[in-house]
């Protein structure tokens, strides 16, 4: 069994991604990020979930993207509640996946792991540019140029994106076949202090749409 670093936020997608990594025979090492996000409930849930999900280790990397700003998730800008649009929304966090993947590749080098799992999706998503297949392909090429293992030829890094071309309903159905408990996940951009999901932000709307299209009820409680 090979080691894999899995980007894990306790969200629906990342939790499904972790389950898929296990099902494909990888030993998962989970990495989460405390980046100054306003919805910090996800970190509490990630810490509570990760061991029972089968991760061997859980690394939480802390840095402050509030210093950069530019996003409703790292500032006091209101989170949009009017529905998913066609433009890149203000919930996009500049360079977030680029930074996340950089930490993941650094840890992978130390672990001797050559596989990274990330739950990006290019169908039912908010239109973020760092969730597109061409971005992932470019990043993988760069990682193999920029790492010792890649240069010395001791290993080839692969970014796994098992959810990339699935609808949210298909993601949910896949997760259920793997035993994922979606009541232990969190998707909301603007939860209450108690962790209740708002039900109207882009992420909540996409999640609810996915459960509806799958013919299922979302097990989460909504404000």
C-alpha atoms as a PDB file:
ATOM      1  CA  UNK A   1       0.000   0.000   0.000  1.00  0.00           C
ATOM      2  CA  UNK A   2       1.284   3.449  -0.965  1.00  0.00           C
ATOM      3  CA  UNK A   3       1.012   6.626   1.070  1.00  0.00           C
ATOM      4  CA  UNK A   4      -1.126   9.477  -0.219  1.00  0.00           C
ATOM      5  CA  UNK A   5      -1.600  13.015   1.047  1.00  0.00           C
ATOM      6  CA  UNK A   6      -5.283  13.964   0.993  1.00  0.00           C
ATOM      7  CA  UNK A   7      -6.415  17.593   1.214  1.00  0.00           C
ATOM      8  CA  UNK A   8      -9.184  17.443   3.799  1.00  0.00           C
ATOM      9  CA  UNK A   9     -11.547  20.207   4.910  1.00  0.00           C
ATOM     10  CA  UNK A  10     -14.395  18.086   6.374  1.00  0.00           C
ATOM     11  CA  UNK A  11     -16.445  19.123   3.348  1.00  0.00           C
ATOM     12  CA  UNK A  12     -18.613  16.800   1.303  1.00  0.00           C
ATOM     13  CA  UNK A  13     -16.102  16.614  -1.538  1.00  0.00           C
ATOM     14  CA  UNK A  14     -12.911  16.200   0.490  1.00  0.00           C
ATOM     15  CA  UNK A  15     -14.497  13.564   2.725  1.00  0.00           C
ATOM     16  CA  UNK A  16     -15.579  11.580  -0.339  1.00  0.00           C
ATOM     17  CA  UNK A  17     -12.104  12.023  -1.797  1.00  0.00           C
ATOM     18  CA  UNK A  18     -10.485  10.606   1.347  1.00  0.00           C
ATOM     19  CA  UNK A  19     -12.804   7.585   1.201  1.00  0.00           C
ATOM     20  CA  UNK A  20     -11.904   7.028  -2.453  1.00  0.00           C
ATOM     21  CA  UNK A  21      -8.173   7.184  -1.676  1.00  0.00           C
ATOM     22  CA  UNK A  22      -8.649   4.439   0.902  1.00  0.00           C
ATOM     23  CA  UNK A  23     -10.800   2.363  -1.450  1.00  0.00           C
ATOM     24  CA  UNK A  24      -8.070   2.576  -4.068  1.00  0.00           C
ATOM     25  CA  UNK A  25      -5.574   1.070  -1.653  1.00  0.00           C
ATOM     26  CA  UNK A  26      -3.720   4.166  -0.438  1.00  0.00           C
ATOM     27  CA  UNK A  27      -2.711   4.906   3.139  1.00  0.00           C
ATOM     28  CA  UNK A  28      -4.157   8.407   3.668  1.00  0.00           C
ATOM     29  CA  UNK A  29      -2.341  11.252   5.381  1.00  0.00           C
ATOM     30  CA  UNK A  30      -4.800  14.130   5.803  1.00  0.00           C
ATOM     31  CA  UNK A  31      -3.800  17.775   5.551  1.00  0.00           C
ATOM     32  CA  UNK A  32      -6.081  20.667   6.541  1.00  0.00           C
ATOM     33  CA  UNK A  33      -5.553  24.410   6.559  1.00  0.00           C
ATOM     34  CA  UNK A  34      -6.211  27.113   9.117  1.00  0.00           C
ATOM     35  CA  UNK A  35      -5.849  30.025   6.717  1.00  0.00           C
ATOM     36  CA  UNK A  36      -7.905  32.699   8.460  1.00  0.00           C
ATOM     37  CA  UNK A  37     -11.221  31.531   7.019  1.00  0.00           C
ATOM     38  CA  UNK A  38     -14.373  32.934   8.537  1.00  0.00           C
ATOM     39  CA  UNK A  39     -16.095  29.517   8.602  1.00  0.00           C
ATOM     40  CA  UNK A  40     -13.836  27.908  11.214  1.00  0.00           C
ATOM     41  CA  UNK A  41     -16.364  25.216  12.134  1.00  0.00           C
ATOM     42  CA  UNK A  42     -14.876  23.121   9.321  1.00  0.00           C
ATOM     43  CA  UNK A  43     -11.561  22.859  11.212  1.00  0.00           C
ATOM     44  CA  UNK A  44     -13.257  21.683  14.400  1.00  0.00           C
ATOM     45  CA  UNK A  45     -15.107  19.020  12.442  1.00  0.00           C
ATOM     46  CA  UNK A  46     -11.980  18.006  10.533  1.00  0.00           C
ATOM     47  CA  UNK A  47     -10.077  17.437  13.779  1.00  0.00           C
ATOM     48  CA  UNK A  48     -12.985  15.439  15.203  1.00  0.00           C
ATOM     49  CA  UNK A  49     -13.449  13.271  12.096  1.00  0.00           C
ATOM     50  CA  UNK A  50     -10.076  12.517  10.682  1.00  0.00           C
ATOM     51  CA  UNK A  51      -8.938   9.522  12.717  1.00  0.00           C
ATOM     52  CA  UNK A  52     -12.205   7.637  12.395  1.00  0.00           C
ATOM     53  CA  UNK A  53     -12.035   8.232   8.645  1.00  0.00           C
ATOM     54  CA  UNK A  54      -8.834   6.217   8.560  1.00  0.00           C
ATOM     55  CA  UNK A  55      -6.123   8.854   8.228  1.00  0.00           C
ATOM     56  CA  UNK A  56      -2.779   7.765   9.681  1.00  0.00           C
ATOM     57  CA  UNK A  57      -1.822  11.353  10.499  1.00  0.00           C
ATOM     58  CA  UNK A  58      -3.528  14.719  10.376  1.00  0.00           C
ATOM     59  CA  UNK A  59      -1.499  17.847   9.720  1.00  0.00           C
ATOM     60  CA  UNK A  60      -3.142  21.254  10.209  1.00  0.00           C
ATOM     61  CA  UNK A  61      -1.107  24.039   8.585  1.00  0.00           C
ATOM     62  CA  UNK A  62      -1.754  27.567   9.860  1.00  0.00           C
ATOM     63  CA  UNK A  63      -1.213  30.772   7.898  1.00  0.00           C
ATOM     64  CA  UNK A  64      -3.252  33.950   7.485  1.00  0.00           C
ATOM     65  CA  UNK A  65      -4.769  34.761   4.100  1.00  0.00           C
ATOM     66  CA  UNK A  66      -6.747  37.560   5.762  1.00  0.00           C
ATOM     67  CA  UNK A  67      -3.581  39.594   5.324  1.00  0.00           C
ATOM     68  CA  UNK A  68      -4.014  39.223   1.569  1.00  0.00           C
ATOM     69  CA  UNK A  69      -7.792  39.609   1.520  1.00  0.00           C
ATOM     70  CA  UNK A  70      -9.689  39.642  -1.746  1.00  0.00           C
ATOM     71  CA  UNK A  71     -12.330  37.112  -0.700  1.00  0.00           C
ATOM     72  CA  UNK A  72     -15.533  37.002   1.309  1.00  0.00           C
ATOM     73  CA  UNK A  73     -14.098  33.941   3.067  1.00  0.00           C
ATOM     74  CA  UNK A  74     -11.070  35.845   4.407  1.00  0.00           C
ATOM     75  CA  UNK A  75     -12.632  39.249   5.115  1.00  0.00           C
ATOM     76  CA  UNK A  76     -15.797  40.863   6.432  1.00  0.00           C
ATOM     77  CA  UNK A  77     -17.295  41.050   2.930  1.00  0.00           C
ATOM     78  CA  UNK A  78     -20.783  39.558   2.916  1.00  0.00           C
ATOM     79  CA  UNK A  79     -21.128  36.048   1.543  1.00  0.00           C
ATOM     80  CA  UNK A  80     -23.512  36.139  -1.464  1.00  0.00           C
ATOM     81  CA  UNK A  81     -26.845  34.408  -0.899  1.00  0.00           C
ATOM     82  CA  UNK A  82     -28.625  35.067  -4.200  1.00  0.00           C
ATOM     83  CA  UNK A  83     -27.625  31.842  -5.948  1.00  0.00           C
ATOM     84  CA  UNK A  84     -24.866  30.430  -8.133  1.00  0.00           C
ATOM     85  CA  UNK A  85     -23.958  32.826 -10.957  1.00  0.00           C
ATOM     86  CA  UNK A  86     -21.752  32.659 -14.039  1.00  0.00           C
ATOM     87  CA  UNK A  87     -18.962  34.968 -12.850  1.00  0.00           C
ATOM     88  CA  UNK A  88     -16.189  34.030 -10.439  1.00  0.00           C
ATOM     89  CA  UNK A  89     -17.780  34.857  -7.063  1.00  0.00           C
ATOM     90  CA  UNK A  90     -16.326  36.853  -4.166  1.00  0.00           C
ATOM     91  CA  UNK A  91     -15.973  33.587  -2.232  1.00  0.00           C
ATOM     92  CA  UNK A  92     -13.034  32.712  -4.491  1.00  0.00           C
ATOM     93  CA  UNK A  93      -9.863  32.873  -2.372  1.00  0.00           C
ATOM     94  CA  UNK A  94      -6.874  34.102  -4.452  1.00  0.00           C
ATOM     95  CA  UNK A  95      -4.171  31.425  -4.831  1.00  0.00           C
ATOM     96  CA  UNK A  96      -5.783  29.137  -2.239  1.00  0.00           C
ATOM     97  CA  UNK A  97      -5.416  25.799  -4.025  1.00  0.00           C
ATOM     98  CA  UNK A  98      -1.944  26.770  -5.237  1.00  0.00           C
ATOM     99  CA  UNK A  99      -0.875  27.351  -1.637  1.00  0.00           C
ATOM    100  CA  UNK A 100      -2.680  24.246  -0.372  1.00  0.00           C
ATOM    101  CA  UNK A 101      -1.055  22.022  -2.967  1.00  0.00           C
ATOM    102  CA  UNK A 102       2.376  23.500  -2.227  1.00  0.00           C
ATOM    103  CA  UNK A 103       2.107  22.458   1.415  1.00  0.00           C
ATOM    104  CA  UNK A 104       0.735  19.070   0.373  1.00  0.00           C
ATOM    105  CA  UNK A 105       3.659  18.429  -1.972  1.00  0.00           C
ATOM    106  CA  UNK A 106       6.162  19.537   0.658  1.00  0.00           C
ATOM    107  CA  UNK A 107       4.722  17.083   3.192  1.00  0.00           C
ATOM    108  CA  UNK A 108       4.498  14.365   0.558  1.00  0.00           C
ATOM    109  CA  UNK A 109       8.229  14.712  -0.166  1.00  0.00           C
ATOM    110  CA  UNK A 110       9.018  14.300   3.523  1.00  0.00           C
ATOM    111  CA  UNK A 111       6.692  11.285   3.813  1.00  0.00           C
ATOM    112  CA  UNK A 112       8.019   9.629   0.674  1.00  0.00           C
ATOM    113  CA  UNK A 113       4.555   9.825  -0.865  1.00  0.00           C
ATOM    114  CA  UNK A 114       4.015  10.516  -4.553  1.00  0.00           C
ATOM    115  CA  UNK A 115       0.239  10.728  -4.686  1.00  0.00           C
ATOM    116  CA  UNK A 116      -1.907  13.744  -3.774  1.00  0.00           C
ATOM    117  CA  UNK A 117      -5.704  13.612  -3.620  1.00  0.00           C
ATOM    118  CA  UNK A 118      -7.752  16.795  -3.937  1.00  0.00           C
ATOM    119  CA  UNK A 119     -11.536  17.007  -4.222  1.00  0.00           C
ATOM    120  CA  UNK A 120     -11.777  19.659  -6.929  1.00  0.00           C
ATOM    121  CA  UNK A 121     -14.796  19.536  -9.201  1.00  0.00           C
ATOM    122  CA  UNK A 122     -15.389  21.186 -12.579  1.00  0.00           C
ATOM    123  CA  UNK A 123     -19.134  20.523 -12.960  1.00  0.00           C
ATOM    124  CA  UNK A 124     -21.224  21.434  -9.891  1.00  0.00           C
ATOM    125  CA  UNK A 125     -18.980  24.124  -8.441  1.00  0.00           C
ATOM    126  CA  UNK A 126     -18.805  27.912  -8.014  1.00  0.00           C
ATOM    127  CA  UNK A 127     -16.571  28.606 -11.011  1.00  0.00           C
ATOM    128  CA  UNK A 128     -13.221  28.885  -9.236  1.00  0.00           C
ATOM    129  CA  UNK A 129     -10.307  28.938 -11.735  1.00  0.00           C
ATOM    130  CA  UNK A 130      -8.143  26.681  -9.546  1.00  0.00           C
ATOM    131  CA  UNK A 131     -10.624  23.803  -9.817  1.00  0.00           C
ATOM    132  CA  UNK A 132     -10.217  23.308 -13.573  1.00  0.00           C
ATOM    133  CA  UNK A 133      -8.471  20.284 -15.143  1.00  0.00           C
ATOM    134  CA  UNK A 134      -5.941  22.443 -17.009  1.00  0.00           C
ATOM    135  CA  UNK A 135      -4.860  23.997 -13.706  1.00  0.00           C
ATOM    136  CA  UNK A 136      -4.329  20.571 -12.111  1.00  0.00           C
ATOM    137  CA  UNK A 137      -2.388  19.303 -15.135  1.00  0.00           C
ATOM    138  CA  UNK A 138      -0.130  22.359 -15.093  1.00  0.00           C
ATOM    139  CA  UNK A 139       0.462  22.097 -11.369  1.00  0.00           C
ATOM    140  CA  UNK A 140       1.430  18.446 -11.621  1.00  0.00           C
ATOM    141  CA  UNK A 141       3.989  19.247 -14.330  1.00  0.00           C
ATOM    142  CA  UNK A 142       5.401  22.046 -12.194  1.00  0.00           C
ATOM    143  CA  UNK A 143       5.604  19.837  -9.096  1.00  0.00           C
ATOM    144  CA  UNK A 144       7.664  17.240 -10.897  1.00  0.00           C
ATOM    145  CA  UNK A 145      10.032  19.982 -12.044  1.00  0.00           C
ATOM    146  CA  UNK A 146      10.294  21.660  -8.657  1.00  0.00           C
ATOM    147  CA  UNK A 147      10.854  18.739  -6.279  1.00  0.00           C
ATOM    148  CA  UNK A 148      13.983  16.787  -5.450  1.00  0.00           C
ATOM    149  CA  UNK A 149      12.300  13.470  -6.165  1.00  0.00           C
ATOM    150  CA  UNK A 150      11.097  14.705  -9.526  1.00  0.00           C
ATOM    151  CA  UNK A 151      14.505  16.045 -10.545  1.00  0.00           C
ATOM    152  CA  UNK A 152      16.460  13.007  -9.318  1.00  0.00           C
ATOM    153  CA  UNK A 153      13.947  10.609 -10.824  1.00  0.00           C
ATOM    154  CA  UNK A 154      13.249   8.760  -7.573  1.00  0.00           C
ATOM    155  CA  UNK A 155       9.515   9.258  -7.935  1.00  0.00           C
ATOM    156  CA  UNK A 156       6.823  10.836 -10.079  1.00  0.00           C
ATOM    157  CA  UNK A 157       4.129  12.912  -8.383  1.00  0.00           C
ATOM    158  CA  UNK A 158       0.505  12.453  -9.398  1.00  0.00           C
ATOM    159  CA  UNK A 159      -2.419  14.668  -8.448  1.00  0.00           C
ATOM    160  CA  UNK A 160      -5.561  12.530  -8.187  1.00  0.00           C
ATOM    161  CA  UNK A 161      -8.868  14.322  -8.848  1.00  0.00           C
ATOM    162  CA  UNK A 162     -11.479  11.540  -8.663  1.00  0.00           C
ATOM    163  CA  UNK A 163     -14.384  13.999  -8.416  1.00  0.00           C
ATOM    164  CA  UNK A 164     -13.333  16.309 -11.232  1.00  0.00           C
ATOM    165  CA  UNK A 165     -15.951  15.295 -13.802  1.00  0.00           C
ATOM    166  CA  UNK A 166     -18.754  14.132 -11.460  1.00  0.00           C
ATOM    167  CA  UNK A 167     -21.937  15.990 -10.629  1.00  0.00           C
ATOM    168  CA  UNK A 168     -22.600  16.642  -6.952  1.00  0.00           C
ATOM    169  CA  UNK A 169     -25.273  13.934  -7.029  1.00  0.00           C
ATOM    170  CA  UNK A 170     -22.768  11.431  -8.449  1.00  0.00           C
ATOM    171  CA  UNK A 171     -20.234  12.406  -5.777  1.00  0.00           C
ATOM    172  CA  UNK A 172     -22.797  11.774  -3.044  1.00  0.00           C
ATOM    173  CA  UNK A 173     -23.802   8.435  -4.544  1.00  0.00           C
ATOM    174  CA  UNK A 174     -20.160   7.368  -4.801  1.00  0.00           C
ATOM    175  CA  UNK A 175     -19.523   8.357  -1.204  1.00  0.00           C
ATOM    176  CA  UNK A 176     -22.519   6.438   0.070  1.00  0.00           C
ATOM    177  CA  UNK A 177     -21.286   3.259  -1.617  1.00  0.00           C
ATOM    178  CA  UNK A 178     -18.049   3.746   0.373  1.00  0.00           C
ATOM    179  CA  UNK A 179     -19.853   4.272   3.664  1.00  0.00           C
ATOM    180  CA  UNK A 180     -19.403   8.050   3.961  1.00  0.00           C
ATOM    181  CA  UNK A 181     -21.564   9.594   6.708  1.00  0.00           C
ATOM    182  CA  UNK A 182     -22.536  12.964   5.250  1.00  0.00           C
ATOM    183  CA  UNK A 183     -24.021  14.101   8.544  1.00  0.00           C
ATOM    184  CA  UNK A 184     -20.373  14.430   9.632  1.00  0.00           C
ATOM    185  CA  UNK A 185     -19.468  16.827   6.816  1.00  0.00           C
ATOM    186  CA  UNK A 186     -19.747  20.598   6.424  1.00  0.00           C
ATOM    187  CA  UNK A 187     -20.111  22.708   3.288  1.00  0.00           C
ATOM    188  CA  UNK A 188     -21.470  26.124   4.303  1.00  0.00           C
ATOM    189  CA  UNK A 189     -19.535  29.343   3.633  1.00  0.00           C
ATOM    190  CA  UNK A 190     -21.414  31.273   6.325  1.00  0.00           C
ATOM    191  CA  UNK A 191     -22.538  28.979   9.172  1.00  0.00           C
ATOM    192  CA  UNK A 192     -24.006  30.114  12.465  1.00  0.00           C
ATOM    193  CA  UNK A 193     -21.690  30.187  15.520  1.00  0.00           C
ATOM    194  CA  UNK A 194     -23.148  26.776  16.423  1.00  0.00           C
ATOM    195  CA  UNK A 195     -22.148  25.366  13.029  1.00  0.00           C
ATOM    196  CA  UNK A 196     -25.603  25.301  11.412  1.00  0.00           C
ATOM    197  CA  UNK A 197     -25.480  25.725   7.639  1.00  0.00           C
ATOM    198  CA  UNK A 198     -27.146  28.819   6.165  1.00  0.00           C
ATOM    199  CA  UNK A 199     -28.788  26.968   3.266  1.00  0.00           C
ATOM    200  CA  UNK A 200     -28.509  29.898   0.845  1.00  0.00           C
ATOM    201  CA  UNK A 201     -24.813  30.417   0.016  1.00  0.00           C
ATOM    202  CA  UNK A 202     -23.393  28.905  -3.196  1.00  0.00           C
ATOM    203  CA  UNK A 203     -21.910  25.932  -1.396  1.00  0.00           C
ATOM    204  CA  UNK A 204     -25.121  25.092   0.455  1.00  0.00           C
ATOM    205  CA  UNK A 205     -27.167  25.464  -2.730  1.00  0.00           C
ATOM    206  CA  UNK A 206     -24.880  23.121  -4.660  1.00  0.00           C
ATOM    207  CA  UNK A 207     -24.939  20.585  -1.832  1.00  0.00           C
ATOM    208  CA  UNK A 208     -28.739  20.671  -1.512  1.00  0.00           C
ATOM    209  CA  UNK A 209     -29.095  20.414  -5.296  1.00  0.00           C
ATOM    210  CA  UNK A 210     -26.855  17.340  -5.249  1.00  0.00           C
ATOM    211  CA  UNK A 211     -28.881  15.554  -2.599  1.00  0.00           C
ATOM    212  CA  UNK A 212     -32.116  16.456  -4.380  1.00  0.00           C
ATOM    213  CA  UNK A 213     -30.862  15.129  -7.727  1.00  0.00           C
ATOM    214  CA  UNK A 214     -29.704  11.959  -5.992  1.00  0.00           C
ATOM    215  CA  UNK A 215     -33.217  11.514  -4.591  1.00  0.00           C
ATOM    216  CA  UNK A 216     -31.985  11.875  -1.023  1.00  0.00           C
ATOM    217  CA  UNK A 217     -32.414  14.151   1.963  1.00  0.00           C
ATOM    218  CA  UNK A 218     -29.394  16.063   3.226  1.00  0.00           C
ATOM    219  CA  UNK A 219     -28.745  14.849   6.781  1.00  0.00           C
ATOM    220  CA  UNK A 220     -27.421  18.263   7.906  1.00  0.00           C
ATOM    221  CA  UNK A 221     -29.425  20.746   9.962  1.00  0.00           C
ATOM    222  CA  UNK A 222     -29.923  24.139   8.361  1.00  0.00           C
ATOM    223  CA  UNK A 223     -30.518  27.500  10.015  1.00  0.00           C
END
